Every structure is written in structure tokens, then in C-alpha cells.
Amino acid sequence: MNNFLDYLWAHHVPLILAWVFSAAINSLPAPTMSSSPAYIFFFKFLNTLAANPFRAHSTTIEASPNFEAAVRDRIATLKNAGQL
């Protein structure tokens, strides 16, 4: 019985702890335009540690919580340039 508990402790507990850590990091809200530079740094750093490099360094507008603001800015730019 002791060997079985040693096996579980050596193999399953670290995996469960890594899964819980990753889930906690994934629950962080994405930074917005009003986020502080410190939050943006910790968001990127923790997502990189949790093996989420695409979430940490995402630059796509569509995945951004600022999507609507970016669309409004783009429309205003096009109107000012006379293209809309």
C-alpha cells in the first residue's frame, strides 16, 4: 500500500497541482486599455509560465476585450480620411 501512495504522490499530485495552477491563470481577465502596466506584465508573465504563450502575447484585435473601441477608432479614421 505504501508503494501505491508513493506512486500517486510522485506522479499524480504534481500533475493535479499543475492543472490547478493553469486553470487559475486562465481565469485571469485579459488586460484592457485601462489596465496598469504592472497587470499587463504579470498577465503576460503568468500566462507564459502556465504554457499559454499565444494568450500571453496575443495581438489580434478580434480576441481583444477592446474590440468595439478599436472598431469605433477605425471607422472614425476612415471617415476622417474620406473613405467612408
C-alpha atoms as a PDB file:
ATOM      1  CA  MET A   1       0.000   0.000   0.000  1.00  0.00           C
ATOM      2  CA  ASN A   2       2.847   2.369   0.799  1.00  0.00           C
ATOM      3  CA  ASN A   3       4.322   1.907  -2.694  1.00  0.00           C
ATOM      4  CA  PHE A   4       0.976   2.841  -4.246  1.00  0.00           C
ATOM      5  CA  LEU A   5       0.758   6.051  -2.199  1.00  0.00           C
ATOM      6  CA  ASP A   6       4.345   6.911  -3.121  1.00  0.00           C
ATOM      7  CA  TYR A   7       3.471   6.376  -6.786  1.00  0.00           C
ATOM      8  CA  LEU A   8       0.409   8.641  -6.534  1.00  0.00           C
ATOM      9  CA  TRP A   9       2.353  11.343  -4.726  1.00  0.00           C
ATOM     10  CA  ALA A  10       5.209  11.196  -7.213  1.00  0.00           C
ATOM     11  CA  HIS A  11       3.096  11.237 -10.383  1.00  0.00           C
ATOM     12  CA  HIS A  12      -0.462  12.408  -9.912  1.00  0.00           C
ATOM     13  CA  VAL A  13      -0.248  15.158  -7.308  1.00  0.00           C
ATOM     14  CA  PRO A  14       2.228  17.283  -9.325  1.00  0.00           C
ATOM     15  CA  LEU A  15       0.008  16.912 -12.402  1.00  0.00           C
ATOM     16  CA  ILE A  16      -3.071  17.959 -10.460  1.00  0.00           C
ATOM     17  CA  LEU A  17      -1.227  20.952  -8.990  1.00  0.00           C
ATOM     18  CA  ALA A  18      -0.040  21.996 -12.463  1.00  0.00           C
ATOM     19  CA  TRP A  19      -3.605  21.692 -13.768  1.00  0.00           C
ATOM     20  CA  VAL A  20      -4.960  23.849 -10.914  1.00  0.00           C
ATOM     21  CA  PHE A  21      -2.213  26.442 -11.500  1.00  0.00           C
ATOM     22  CA  SER A  22      -3.007  26.559 -15.217  1.00  0.00           C
ATOM     23  CA  ALA A  23      -6.738  26.885 -14.543  1.00  0.00           C
ATOM     24  CA  ALA A  24      -6.134  29.749 -12.116  1.00  0.00           C
ATOM     25  CA  ILE A  25      -4.010  31.599 -14.667  1.00  0.00           C
ATOM     26  CA  ASN A  26      -6.582  31.025 -17.419  1.00  0.00           C
ATOM     27  CA  SER A  27      -9.247  32.618 -15.236  1.00  0.00           C
ATOM     28  CA  LEU A  28      -7.417  35.967 -15.230  1.00  0.00           C
ATOM     29  CA  PRO A  29      -9.271  38.551 -17.297  1.00  0.00           C
ATOM     30  CA  ALA A  30      -7.405  39.823 -20.328  1.00  0.00           C
ATOM     31  CA  PRO A  31      -5.867  43.285 -19.943  1.00  0.00           C
ATOM     32  CA  THR A  32      -7.856  46.221 -21.274  1.00  0.00           C
ATOM     33  CA  MET A  33      -6.870  49.722 -22.328  1.00  0.00           C
ATOM     34  CA  SER A  34      -7.271  50.901 -18.728  1.00  0.00           C
ATOM     35  CA  SER A  35      -5.128  48.111 -17.205  1.00  0.00           C
ATOM     36  CA  SER A  36      -1.984  49.148 -15.411  1.00  0.00           C
ATOM     37  CA  PRO A  37       1.401  48.251 -16.900  1.00  0.00           C
ATOM     38  CA  ALA A  38       2.047  46.048 -13.850  1.00  0.00           C
ATOM     39  CA  TYR A  39      -1.092  43.971 -14.522  1.00  0.00           C
ATOM     40  CA  ILE A  40      -0.202  43.621 -18.185  1.00  0.00           C
ATOM     41  CA  PHE A  41       3.292  42.426 -17.225  1.00  0.00           C
ATOM     42  CA  PHE A  42       2.008  39.900 -14.667  1.00  0.00           C
ATOM     43  CA  PHE A  43      -0.688  38.687 -17.076  1.00  0.00           C
ATOM     44  CA  LYS A  44       1.906  38.015 -19.762  1.00  0.00           C
ATOM     45  CA  PHE A  45       4.438  36.554 -17.310  1.00  0.00           C
ATOM     46  CA  LEU A  46       1.983  34.197 -15.608  1.00  0.00           C
ATOM     47  CA  ASN A  47       0.461  33.035 -18.893  1.00  0.00           C
ATOM     48  CA  THR A  48       3.944  32.290 -20.188  1.00  0.00           C
ATOM     49  CA  LEU A  49       4.669  30.249 -17.040  1.00  0.00           C
ATOM     50  CA  ALA A  50       1.394  28.385 -17.495  1.00  0.00           C
ATOM     51  CA  ALA A  51       2.409  27.467 -21.073  1.00  0.00           C
ATOM     52  CA  ASN A  52      -0.100  29.844 -22.694  1.00  0.00           C
ATOM     53  CA  PRO A  53       2.251  31.828 -24.932  1.00  0.00           C
ATOM     54  CA  PHE A  54      -0.441  32.569 -27.523  1.00  0.00           C
ATOM     55  CA  ARG A  55      -2.731  34.063 -24.874  1.00  0.00           C
ATOM     56  CA  ALA A  56       0.135  35.937 -23.257  1.00  0.00           C
ATOM     57  CA  HIS A  57       1.327  37.596 -26.453  1.00  0.00           C
ATOM     58  CA  SER A  58      -1.883  37.803 -28.470  1.00  0.00           C
ATOM     59  CA  THR A  59      -2.105  40.930 -30.589  1.00  0.00           C
ATOM     60  CA  THR A  60      -5.259  40.137 -32.545  1.00  0.00           C
ATOM     61  CA  ILE A  61      -7.959  42.749 -32.289  1.00  0.00           C
ATOM     62  CA  GLU A  62     -10.781  40.216 -32.519  1.00  0.00           C
ATOM     63  CA  ALA A  63      -9.622  38.379 -29.395  1.00  0.00           C
ATOM     64  CA  SER A  64      -9.166  41.623 -27.531  1.00  0.00           C
ATOM     65  CA  PRO A  65     -11.636  42.910 -24.957  1.00  0.00           C
ATOM     66  CA  ASN A  66     -11.116  46.296 -26.665  1.00  0.00           C
ATOM     67  CA  PHE A  67     -12.586  45.101 -29.975  1.00  0.00           C
ATOM     68  CA  GLU A  68     -15.523  47.544 -30.031  1.00  0.00           C
ATOM     69  CA  ALA A  69     -13.301  50.518 -29.188  1.00  0.00           C
ATOM     70  CA  ALA A  70     -10.863  49.505 -31.936  1.00  0.00           C
ATOM     71  CA  VAL A  71     -13.701  49.262 -34.477  1.00  0.00           C
ATOM     72  CA  ARG A  72     -15.001  52.723 -33.497  1.00  0.00           C
ATOM     73  CA  ASP A  73     -11.493  54.175 -33.868  1.00  0.00           C
ATOM     74  CA  ARG A  74     -11.026  52.552 -37.270  1.00  0.00           C
ATOM     75  CA  ILE A  75     -14.386  53.837 -38.524  1.00  0.00           C
ATOM     76  CA  ALA A  76     -13.558  57.345 -37.301  1.00  0.00           C
ATOM     77  CA  THR A  77     -10.181  57.181 -39.060  1.00  0.00           C
ATOM     78  CA  LEU A  78     -11.814  56.093 -42.319  1.00  0.00           C
ATOM     79  CA  LYS A  79     -14.446  58.850 -42.057  1.00  0.00           C
ATOM     80  CA  ASN A  80     -11.780  61.494 -41.463  1.00  0.00           C
ATOM     81  CA  ALA A  81      -9.823  60.208 -44.461  1.00  0.00           C
ATOM     82  CA  GLY A  82     -12.942  60.456 -46.622  1.00  0.00           C
ATOM     83  CA  GLN A  83     -13.070  56.736 -47.334  1.00  0.00           C
ATOM     84  CA  LEU A  84     -16.449  56.198 -45.666  1.00  0.00           C
END
